[in-house]
Amino acid sequence: MEPTLELNTKIYNKDNSDLSYLIIGKKLLNGILHYKLKSKSAEEFYLSEFAIKNRFKTDFENTKIFSKKTVSILFSKIIKNGYITGKANDK
């Protein structure tokens, strides 16, 4: 069994490491552990442990990302798929 995340742990979205949330509570709903998350904009919501493990990384896992890259992962994926920078009126 994998260990549960602790309260006051900061987690980051895997696709966009600029999005971070703080775990402020835990609740067991229908036999599934849910975490209460709080965003920077003070929005609070519950998310299951399965969703968190699929879509988020912990603060410890994320330090490797910040030490190597300064551009978010999501923007890197957009660039890789053919996004062209420049003025809107350029042809």
PDB file of N, CA and C in Angstrom:
ATOM      1  N   MET A   1       0.838  -1.195   0.000  1.00  0.00           N
ATOM      2  CA  MET A   1       0.000   0.000   0.000  1.00  0.00           C
ATOM      3  C   MET A   1       0.874   1.247   0.000  1.00  0.00           C
ATOM      4  N   GLU A   2       0.564   2.178  -0.872  1.00  0.00           N
ATOM      5  CA  GLU A   2       1.338   3.410  -0.962  1.00  0.00           C
ATOM      6  C   GLU A   2       0.988   4.347   0.197  1.00  0.00           C
ATOM      7  N   PRO A   3       1.954   5.118   0.669  1.00  0.00           N
ATOM      8  CA  PRO A   3       1.665   6.039   1.765  1.00  0.00           C
ATOM      9  C   PRO A   3       0.750   7.171   1.299  1.00  0.00           C
ATOM     10  N   THR A   4      -0.062   7.676   2.220  1.00  0.00           N
ATOM     11  CA  THR A   4      -0.945   8.791   1.896  1.00  0.00           C
ATOM     12  C   THR A   4      -0.164  10.094   1.980  1.00  0.00           C
ATOM     13  N   LEU A   5      -0.679  11.104   1.331  1.00  0.00           N
ATOM     14  CA  LEU A   5      -0.049  12.417   1.381  1.00  0.00           C
ATOM     15  C   LEU A   5      -0.392  13.084   2.707  1.00  0.00           C
ATOM     16  N   GLU A   6       0.517  13.857   3.231  1.00  0.00           N
ATOM     17  CA  GLU A   6       0.336  14.531   4.508  1.00  0.00           C
ATOM     18  C   GLU A   6      -0.345  15.881   4.311  1.00  0.00           C
ATOM     19  N   LEU A   7      -0.966  16.380   5.379  1.00  0.00           N
ATOM     20  CA  LEU A   7      -1.554  17.716   5.349  1.00  0.00           C
ATOM     21  C   LEU A   7      -0.458  18.757   5.140  1.00  0.00           C
ATOM     22  N   ASN A   8      -0.810  19.868   4.550  1.00  0.00           N
ATOM     23  CA  ASN A   8       0.100  20.979   4.236  1.00  0.00           C
ATOM     24  C   ASN A   8       1.180  20.602   3.229  1.00  0.00           C
ATOM     25  N   THR A   9       0.927  19.568   2.422  1.00  0.00           N
ATOM     26  CA  THR A   9       1.831  19.204   1.339  1.00  0.00           C
ATOM     27  C   THR A   9       1.427  19.983   0.101  1.00  0.00           C
ATOM     28  N   LYS A  10       2.383  20.550  -0.576  1.00  0.00           N
ATOM     29  CA  LYS A  10       2.115  21.286  -1.804  1.00  0.00           C
ATOM     30  C   LYS A  10       2.240  20.324  -2.983  1.00  0.00           C
ATOM     31  N   ILE A  11       1.227  20.332  -3.862  1.00  0.00           N
ATOM     32  CA  ILE A  11       1.268  19.482  -5.044  1.00  0.00           C
ATOM     33  C   ILE A  11       1.162  20.352  -6.288  1.00  0.00           C
ATOM     34  N   TYR A  12       1.702  19.844  -7.398  1.00  0.00           N
ATOM     35  CA  TYR A  12       1.752  20.592  -8.655  1.00  0.00           C
ATOM     36  C   TYR A  12       1.145  19.765  -9.774  1.00  0.00           C
ATOM     37  N   ASN A  13       0.477  20.425 -10.707  1.00  0.00           N
ATOM     38  CA  ASN A  13      -0.080  19.774 -11.882  1.00  0.00           C
ATOM     39  C   ASN A  13       1.072  19.246 -12.731  1.00  0.00           C
ATOM     40  N   LYS A  14       0.954  18.000 -13.231  1.00  0.00           N
ATOM     41  CA  LYS A  14       2.028  17.404 -14.033  1.00  0.00           C
ATOM     42  C   LYS A  14       2.215  18.108 -15.366  1.00  0.00           C
ATOM     43  N   ASP A  15       1.119  18.585 -15.976  1.00  0.00           N
ATOM     44  CA  ASP A  15       1.214  19.241 -17.282  1.00  0.00           C
ATOM     45  C   ASP A  15       1.602  20.704 -17.183  1.00  0.00           C
ATOM     46  N   ASN A  16       1.272  21.349 -16.089  1.00  0.00           N
ATOM     47  CA  ASN A  16       1.589  22.764 -15.923  1.00  0.00           C
ATOM     48  C   ASN A  16       2.046  22.983 -14.488  1.00  0.00           C
ATOM     49  N   SER A  17       3.339  22.969 -14.270  1.00  0.00           N
ATOM     50  CA  SER A  17       3.874  23.055 -12.915  1.00  0.00           C
ATOM     51  C   SER A  17       3.656  24.418 -12.267  1.00  0.00           C
ATOM     52  N   ASP A  18       3.107  25.374 -13.012  1.00  0.00           N
ATOM     53  CA  ASP A  18       2.770  26.670 -12.434  1.00  0.00           C
ATOM     54  C   ASP A  18       1.517  26.576 -11.558  1.00  0.00           C
ATOM     55  N   LEU A  19       0.681  25.560 -11.783  1.00  0.00           N
ATOM     56  CA  LEU A  19      -0.531  25.373 -10.987  1.00  0.00           C
ATOM     57  C   LEU A  19      -0.207  24.536  -9.763  1.00  0.00           C
ATOM     58  N   SER A  20      -0.364  25.139  -8.588  1.00  0.00           N
ATOM     59  CA  SER A  20      -0.056  24.421  -7.356  1.00  0.00           C
ATOM     60  C   SER A  20      -1.249  24.490  -6.401  1.00  0.00           C
ATOM     61  N   TYR A  21      -1.342  23.487  -5.554  1.00  0.00           N
ATOM     62  CA  TYR A  21      -2.420  23.387  -4.580  1.00  0.00           C
ATOM     63  C   TYR A  21      -1.840  22.910  -3.263  1.00  0.00           C
ATOM     64  N   LEU A  22      -2.506  23.255  -2.169  1.00  0.00           N
ATOM     65  CA  LEU A  22      -2.092  22.840  -0.840  1.00  0.00           C
ATOM     66  C   LEU A  22      -3.128  21.870  -0.295  1.00  0.00           C
ATOM     67  N   ILE A  23      -2.686  20.741   0.250  1.00  0.00           N
ATOM     68  CA  ILE A  23      -3.600  19.773   0.849  1.00  0.00           C
ATOM     69  C   ILE A  23      -3.946  20.265   2.253  1.00  0.00           C
ATOM     70  N   ILE A  24      -5.234  20.541   2.483  1.00  0.00           N
ATOM     71  CA  ILE A  24      -5.644  21.085   3.780  1.00  0.00           C
ATOM     72  C   ILE A  24      -6.552  20.143   4.565  1.00  0.00           C
ATOM     73  N   GLY A  25      -6.935  19.007   3.955  1.00  0.00           N
ATOM     74  CA  GLY A  25      -7.786  18.072   4.674  1.00  0.00           C
ATOM     75  C   GLY A  25      -7.888  16.733   3.972  1.00  0.00           C
ATOM     76  N   LYS A  26      -8.406  15.740   4.709  1.00  0.00           N
ATOM     77  CA  LYS A  26      -8.620  14.398   4.158  1.00  0.00           C
ATOM     78  C   LYS A  26     -10.014  13.954   4.568  1.00  0.00           C
ATOM     79  N   LYS A  27     -10.654  13.156   3.687  1.00  0.00           N
ATOM     80  CA  LYS A  27     -11.989  12.658   3.982  1.00  0.00           C
ATOM     81  C   LYS A  27     -12.195  11.342   3.250  1.00  0.00           C
ATOM     82  N   LEU A  28     -12.813  10.375   3.910  1.00  0.00           N
ATOM     83  CA  LEU A  28     -13.104   9.088   3.297  1.00  0.00           C
ATOM     84  C   LEU A  28     -14.547   9.120   2.789  1.00  0.00           C
ATOM     85  N   LEU A  29     -14.723   9.033   1.460  1.00  0.00           N
ATOM     86  CA  LEU A  29     -16.047   9.046   0.839  1.00  0.00           C
ATOM     87  C   LEU A  29     -16.224   7.773   0.029  1.00  0.00           C
ATOM     88  N   ASN A  30     -17.255   6.978   0.350  1.00  0.00           N
ATOM     89  CA  ASN A  30     -17.532   5.725  -0.341  1.00  0.00           C
ATOM     90  C   ASN A  30     -16.318   4.795  -0.381  1.00  0.00           C
ATOM     91  N   GLY A  31     -15.541   4.789   0.674  1.00  0.00           N
ATOM     92  CA  GLY A  31     -14.383   3.911   0.759  1.00  0.00           C
ATOM     93  C   GLY A  31     -13.162   4.397  -0.005  1.00  0.00           C
ATOM     94  N   ILE A  32     -13.224   5.607  -0.548  1.00  0.00           N
ATOM     95  CA  ILE A  32     -12.105   6.170  -1.309  1.00  0.00           C
ATOM     96  C   ILE A  32     -11.614   7.417  -0.589  1.00  0.00           C
ATOM     97  N   LEU A  33     -10.316   7.497  -0.389  1.00  0.00           N
ATOM     98  CA  LEU A  33      -9.725   8.655   0.268  1.00  0.00           C
ATOM     99  C   LEU A  33      -9.765   9.854  -0.671  1.00  0.00           C
ATOM    100  N   HIS A  34     -10.273  10.975  -0.174  1.00  0.00           N
ATOM    101  CA  HIS A  34     -10.301  12.228  -0.920  1.00  0.00           C
ATOM    102  C   HIS A  34      -9.497  13.267  -0.142  1.00  0.00           C
ATOM    103  N   TYR A  35      -8.846  14.132  -0.872  1.00  0.00           N
ATOM    104  CA  TYR A  35      -8.068  15.212  -0.271  1.00  0.00           C
ATOM    105  C   TYR A  35      -8.758  16.534  -0.546  1.00  0.00           C
ATOM    106  N   LYS A  36      -8.766  17.406   0.455  1.00  0.00           N
ATOM    107  CA  LYS A  36      -9.303  18.756   0.276  1.00  0.00           C
ATOM    108  C   LYS A  36      -8.133  19.645  -0.134  1.00  0.00           C
ATOM    109  N   LEU A  37      -8.263  20.245  -1.307  1.00  0.00           N
ATOM    110  CA  LEU A  37      -7.197  21.080  -1.858  1.00  0.00           C
ATOM    111  C   LEU A  37      -7.590  22.539  -1.824  1.00  0.00           C
ATOM    112  N   LYS A  38      -6.589  23.393  -1.694  1.00  0.00           N
ATOM    113  CA  LYS A  38      -6.809  24.840  -1.713  1.00  0.00           C
ATOM    114  C   LYS A  38      -5.857  25.435  -2.740  1.00  0.00           C
ATOM    115  N   SER A  39      -6.426  26.237  -3.641  1.00  0.00           N
ATOM    116  CA  SER A  39      -5.604  26.870  -4.678  1.00  0.00           C
ATOM    117  C   SER A  39      -5.116  28.236  -4.195  1.00  0.00           C
ATOM    118  N   LYS A  40      -4.273  28.862  -4.986  1.00  0.00           N
ATOM    119  CA  LYS A  40      -3.759  30.197  -4.641  1.00  0.00           C
ATOM    120  C   LYS A  40      -4.877  31.228  -4.574  1.00  0.00           C
ATOM    121  N   SER A  41      -5.951  31.010  -5.347  1.00  0.00           N
ATOM    122  CA  SER A  41      -7.068  31.946  -5.356  1.00  0.00           C
ATOM    123  C   SER A  41      -8.073  31.648  -4.239  1.00  0.00           C
ATOM    124  N   ALA A  42      -7.691  30.809  -3.257  1.00  0.00           N
ATOM    125  CA  ALA A  42      -8.490  30.456  -2.084  1.00  0.00           C
ATOM    126  C   ALA A  42      -9.680  29.568  -2.412  1.00  0.00           C
ATOM    127  N   GLU A  43      -9.718  28.979  -3.607  1.00  0.00           N
ATOM    128  CA  GLU A  43     -10.775  28.033  -3.950  1.00  0.00           C
ATOM    129  C   GLU A  43     -10.460  26.699  -3.292  1.00  0.00           C
ATOM    130  N   GLU A  44     -11.468  26.071  -2.672  1.00  0.00           N
ATOM    131  CA  GLU A  44     -11.278  24.785  -2.013  1.00  0.00           C
ATOM    132  C   GLU A  44     -12.170  23.734  -2.660  1.00  0.00           C
ATOM    133  N   PHE A  45     -11.637  22.512  -2.839  1.00  0.00           N
ATOM    134  CA  PHE A  45     -12.404  21.428  -3.432  1.00  0.00           C
ATOM    135  C   PHE A  45     -11.788  20.096  -3.031  1.00  0.00           C
ATOM    136  N   TYR A  46     -12.577  19.013  -3.185  1.00  0.00           N
ATOM    137  CA  TYR A  46     -12.111  17.660  -2.889  1.00  0.00           C
ATOM    138  C   TYR A  46     -11.744  16.940  -4.178  1.00  0.00           C
ATOM    139  N   LEU A  47     -10.702  16.118  -4.110  1.00  0.00           N
ATOM    140  CA  LEU A  47     -10.270  15.318  -5.248  1.00  0.00           C
ATOM    141  C   LEU A  47      -9.802  13.958  -4.714  1.00  0.00           C
ATOM    142  N   SER A  48     -10.138  12.887  -5.432  1.00  0.00           N
ATOM    143  CA  SER A  48      -9.786  11.546  -4.957  1.00  0.00           C
ATOM    144  C   SER A  48      -8.275  11.317  -5.035  1.00  0.00           C
ATOM    145  N   GLU A  49      -7.809  10.357  -4.229  1.00  0.00           N
ATOM    146  CA  GLU A  49      -6.384  10.040  -4.233  1.00  0.00           C
ATOM    147  C   GLU A  49      -5.933   9.520  -5.597  1.00  0.00           C
ATOM    148  N   PHE A  50      -6.822   8.826  -6.311  1.00  0.00           N
ATOM    149  CA  PHE A  50      -6.479   8.300  -7.636  1.00  0.00           C
ATOM    150  C   PHE A  50      -6.246   9.437  -8.629  1.00  0.00           C
ATOM    151  N   ALA A  51      -7.110  10.441  -8.593  1.00  0.00           N
ATOM    152  CA  ALA A  51      -6.959  11.591  -9.487  1.00  0.00           C
ATOM    153  C   ALA A  51      -5.687  12.366  -9.167  1.00  0.00           C
ATOM    154  N   ILE A  52      -5.393  12.516  -7.903  1.00  0.00           N
ATOM    155  CA  ILE A  52      -4.185  13.247  -7.504  1.00  0.00           C
ATOM    156  C   ILE A  52      -2.932  12.508  -7.956  1.00  0.00           C
ATOM    157  N   LYS A  53      -2.901  11.195  -7.777  1.00  0.00           N
ATOM    158  CA  LYS A  53      -1.719  10.420  -8.175  1.00  0.00           C
ATOM    159  C   LYS A  53      -1.548  10.400  -9.691  1.00  0.00           C
ATOM    160  N   ASN A  54      -2.651  10.518 -10.430  1.00  0.00           N
ATOM    161  CA  ASN A  54      -2.596  10.547 -11.895  1.00  0.00           C
ATOM    162  C   ASN A  54      -2.167  11.891 -12.450  1.00  0.00           C
ATOM    163  N   ARG A  55      -2.656  12.983 -11.854  1.00  0.00           N
ATOM    164  CA  ARG A  55      -2.506  14.304 -12.465  1.00  0.00           C
ATOM    165  C   ARG A  55      -1.586  15.270 -11.736  1.00  0.00           C
ATOM    166  N   PHE A  56      -1.056  14.873 -10.569  1.00  0.00           N
ATOM    167  CA  PHE A  56      -0.260  15.803  -9.782  1.00  0.00           C
ATOM    168  C   PHE A  56       1.050  15.177  -9.334  1.00  0.00           C
ATOM    169  N   LYS A  57       2.011  16.045  -8.996  1.00  0.00           N
ATOM    170  CA  LYS A  57       3.287  15.649  -8.414  1.00  0.00           C
ATOM    171  C   LYS A  57       3.438  16.380  -7.086  1.00  0.00           C
ATOM    172  N   THR A  58       4.166  15.763  -6.167  1.00  0.00           N
ATOM    173  CA  THR A  58       4.389  16.401  -4.873  1.00  0.00           C
ATOM    174  C   THR A  58       5.508  17.427  -4.980  1.00  0.00           C
ATOM    175  N   ASP A  59       5.672  18.183  -3.925  1.00  0.00           N
ATOM    176  CA  ASP A  59       6.709  19.209  -3.857  1.00  0.00           C
ATOM    177  C   ASP A  59       8.085  18.593  -4.071  1.00  0.00           C
ATOM    178  N   PHE A  60       8.338  17.432  -3.470  1.00  0.00           N
ATOM    179  CA  PHE A  60       9.627  16.751  -3.587  1.00  0.00           C
ATOM    180  C   PHE A  60       9.895  16.324  -5.027  1.00  0.00           C
ATOM    181  N   GLU A  61       8.888  15.730  -5.687  1.00  0.00           N
ATOM    182  CA  GLU A  61       9.051  15.282  -7.069  1.00  0.00           C
ATOM    183  C   GLU A  61       9.234  16.463  -8.004  1.00  0.00           C
ATOM    184  N   ASN A  62       8.648  17.598  -7.655  1.00  0.00           N
ATOM    185  CA  ASN A  62       8.657  18.760  -8.535  1.00  0.00           C
ATOM    186  C   ASN A  62       9.975  19.522  -8.487  1.00  0.00           C
ATOM    187  N   THR A  63      10.799  19.340  -7.464  1.00  0.00           N
ATOM    188  CA  THR A  63      12.057  20.074  -7.378  1.00  0.00           C
ATOM    189  C   THR A  63      12.973  19.725  -8.540  1.00  0.00           C
ATOM    190  N   LYS A  64      12.871  18.509  -9.059  1.00  0.00           N
ATOM    191  CA  LYS A  64      13.678  18.115 -10.214  1.00  0.00           C
ATOM    192  C   LYS A  64      13.281  18.913 -11.453  1.00  0.00           C
ATOM    193  N   ILE A  65      11.993  19.186 -11.597  1.00  0.00           N
ATOM    194  CA  ILE A  65      11.504  19.950 -12.748  1.00  0.00           C
ATOM    195  C   ILE A  65      12.037  21.370 -12.686  1.00  0.00           C
ATOM    196  N   PHE A  66      11.919  22.027 -11.501  1.00  0.00           N
ATOM    197  CA  PHE A  66      12.340  23.414 -11.393  1.00  0.00           C
ATOM    198  C   PHE A  66      13.849  23.580 -11.535  1.00  0.00           C
ATOM    199  N   SER A  67      14.617  22.586 -11.140  1.00  0.00           N
ATOM    200  CA  SER A  67      16.058  22.719 -11.240  1.00  0.00           C
ATOM    201  C   SER A  67      16.545  22.614 -12.685  1.00  0.00           C
ATOM    202  N   LYS A  68      15.781  21.966 -13.569  1.00  0.00           N
ATOM    203  CA  LYS A  68      16.210  21.772 -14.943  1.00  0.00           C
ATOM    204  C   LYS A  68      15.554  22.736 -15.926  1.00  0.00           C
ATOM    205  N   LYS A  69      14.269  23.055 -15.731  1.00  0.00           N
ATOM    206  CA  LYS A  69      13.519  23.815 -16.721  1.00  0.00           C
ATOM    207  C   LYS A  69      12.858  25.036 -16.092  1.00  0.00           C
ATOM    208  N   THR A  70      12.792  26.113 -16.856  1.00  0.00           N
ATOM    209  CA  THR A  70      12.086  27.293 -16.382  1.00  0.00           C
ATOM    210  C   THR A  70      10.764  27.482 -17.113  1.00  0.00           C
ATOM    211  N   VAL A  71      10.574  26.801 -18.230  1.00  0.00           N
ATOM    212  CA  VAL A  71       9.336  26.887 -18.993  1.00  0.00           C
ATOM    213  C   VAL A  71       8.409  25.777 -18.531  1.00  0.00           C
ATOM    214  N   SER A  72       7.108  26.096 -18.406  1.00  0.00           N
ATOM    215  CA  SER A  72       6.183  25.070 -17.941  1.00  0.00           C
ATOM    216  C   SER A  72       6.106  23.910 -18.934  1.00  0.00           C
ATOM    217  N   ILE A  73       5.776  22.754 -18.430  1.00  0.00           N
ATOM    218  CA  ILE A  73       5.684  21.554 -19.257  1.00  0.00           C
ATOM    219  C   ILE A  73       4.589  21.706 -20.298  1.00  0.00           C
ATOM    220  N   LEU A  74       3.464  22.331 -19.904  1.00  0.00           N
ATOM    221  CA  LEU A  74       2.354  22.524 -20.828  1.00  0.00           C
ATOM    222  C   LEU A  74       2.788  23.375 -22.022  1.00  0.00           C
ATOM    223  N   PHE A  75       3.494  24.472 -21.785  1.00  0.00           N
ATOM    224  CA  PHE A  75       3.952  25.318 -22.877  1.00  0.00           C
ATOM    225  C   PHE A  75       4.957  24.583 -23.756  1.00  0.00           C
ATOM    226  N   SER A  76       5.796  23.755 -23.150  1.00  0.00           N
ATOM    227  CA  SER A  76       6.750  22.956 -23.930  1.00  0.00           C
ATOM    228  C   SER A  76       6.031  22.010 -24.878  1.00  0.00           C
ATOM    229  N   LYS A  77       4.926  21.405 -24.406  1.00  0.00           N
ATOM    230  CA  LYS A  77       4.144  20.511 -25.260  1.00  0.00           C
ATOM    231  C   LYS A  77       3.511  21.279 -26.414  1.00  0.00           C
ATOM    232  N   ILE A  78       3.033  22.491 -26.140  1.00  0.00           N
ATOM    233  CA  ILE A  78       2.420  23.311 -27.199  1.00  0.00           C
ATOM    234  C   ILE A  78       3.459  23.652 -28.254  1.00  0.00           C
ATOM    235  N   ILE A  79       4.641  24.043 -27.846  1.00  0.00           N
ATOM    236  CA  ILE A  79       5.707  24.390 -28.786  1.00  0.00           C
ATOM    237  C   ILE A  79       6.097  23.171 -29.613  1.00  0.00           C
ATOM    238  N   LYS A  80       6.200  22.018 -28.963  1.00  0.00           N
ATOM    239  CA  LYS A  80       6.587  20.795 -29.651  1.00  0.00           C
ATOM    240  C   LYS A  80       5.570  20.422 -30.738  1.00  0.00           C
ATOM    241  N   ASN A  81       4.305  20.768 -30.525  1.00  0.00           N
ATOM    242  CA  ASN A  81       3.246  20.438 -31.477  1.00  0.00           C
ATOM    243  C   ASN A  81       3.070  21.486 -32.569  1.00  0.00           C
ATOM    244  N   GLY A  82       3.980  22.426 -32.700  1.00  0.00           N
ATOM    245  CA  GLY A  82       3.964  23.337 -33.829  1.00  0.00           C
ATOM    246  C   GLY A  82       3.470  24.741 -33.532  1.00  0.00           C
ATOM    247  N   TYR A  83       3.421  25.167 -32.303  1.00  0.00           N
ATOM    248  CA  TYR A  83       3.015  26.523 -31.976  1.00  0.00           C
ATOM    249  C   TYR A  83       4.072  27.500 -32.471  1.00  0.00           C
ATOM    250  N   ILE A  84       3.652  28.546 -33.161  1.00  0.00           N
ATOM    251  CA  ILE A  84       4.577  29.530 -33.728  1.00  0.00           C
ATOM    252  C   ILE A  84       4.393  30.838 -32.965  1.00  0.00           C
ATOM    253  N   THR A  85       5.485  31.387 -32.446  1.00  0.00           N
ATOM    254  CA  THR A  85       5.401  32.652 -31.720  1.00  0.00           C
ATOM    255  C   THR A  85       5.553  33.798 -32.696  1.00  0.00           C
ATOM    256  N   GLY A  86       5.072  34.941 -32.323  1.00  0.00           N
ATOM    257  CA  GLY A  86       5.173  36.119 -33.168  1.00  0.00           C
ATOM    258  C   GLY A  86       3.929  36.968 -33.052  1.00  0.00           C
ATOM    259  N   LYS A  87       3.893  38.078 -33.764  1.00  0.00           N
ATOM    260  CA  LYS A  87       2.738  38.969 -33.720  1.00  0.00           C
ATOM    261  C   LYS A  87       1.576  38.340 -34.481  1.00  0.00           C
ATOM    262  N   ALA A  88       0.371  38.692 -34.074  1.00  0.00           N
ATOM    263  CA  ALA A  88      -0.822  38.124 -34.672  1.00  0.00           C
ATOM    264  C   ALA A  88      -0.978  38.515 -36.145  1.00  0.00           C
ATOM    265  N   ASN A  89      -0.437  39.679 -36.532  1.00  0.00           N
ATOM    266  CA  ASN A  89      -0.597  40.169 -37.901  1.00  0.00           C
ATOM    267  C   ASN A  89       0.506  39.695 -38.836  1.00  0.00           C
ATOM    268  N   ASP A  90       1.519  39.008 -38.322  1.00  0.00           N
ATOM    269  CA  ASP A  90       2.598  38.507 -39.167  1.00  0.00           C
ATOM    270  C   ASP A  90       2.077  37.392 -40.079  1.00  0.00           C
ATOM    271  N   LYS A  91       2.561  37.368 -41.306  1.00  0.00           N
ATOM    272  CA  LYS A  91       2.136  36.321 -42.253  1.00  0.00           C
ATOM    273  C   LYS A  91       3.314  35.614 -42.809  1.00  0.00           C
TER     274      LYS A  91
END
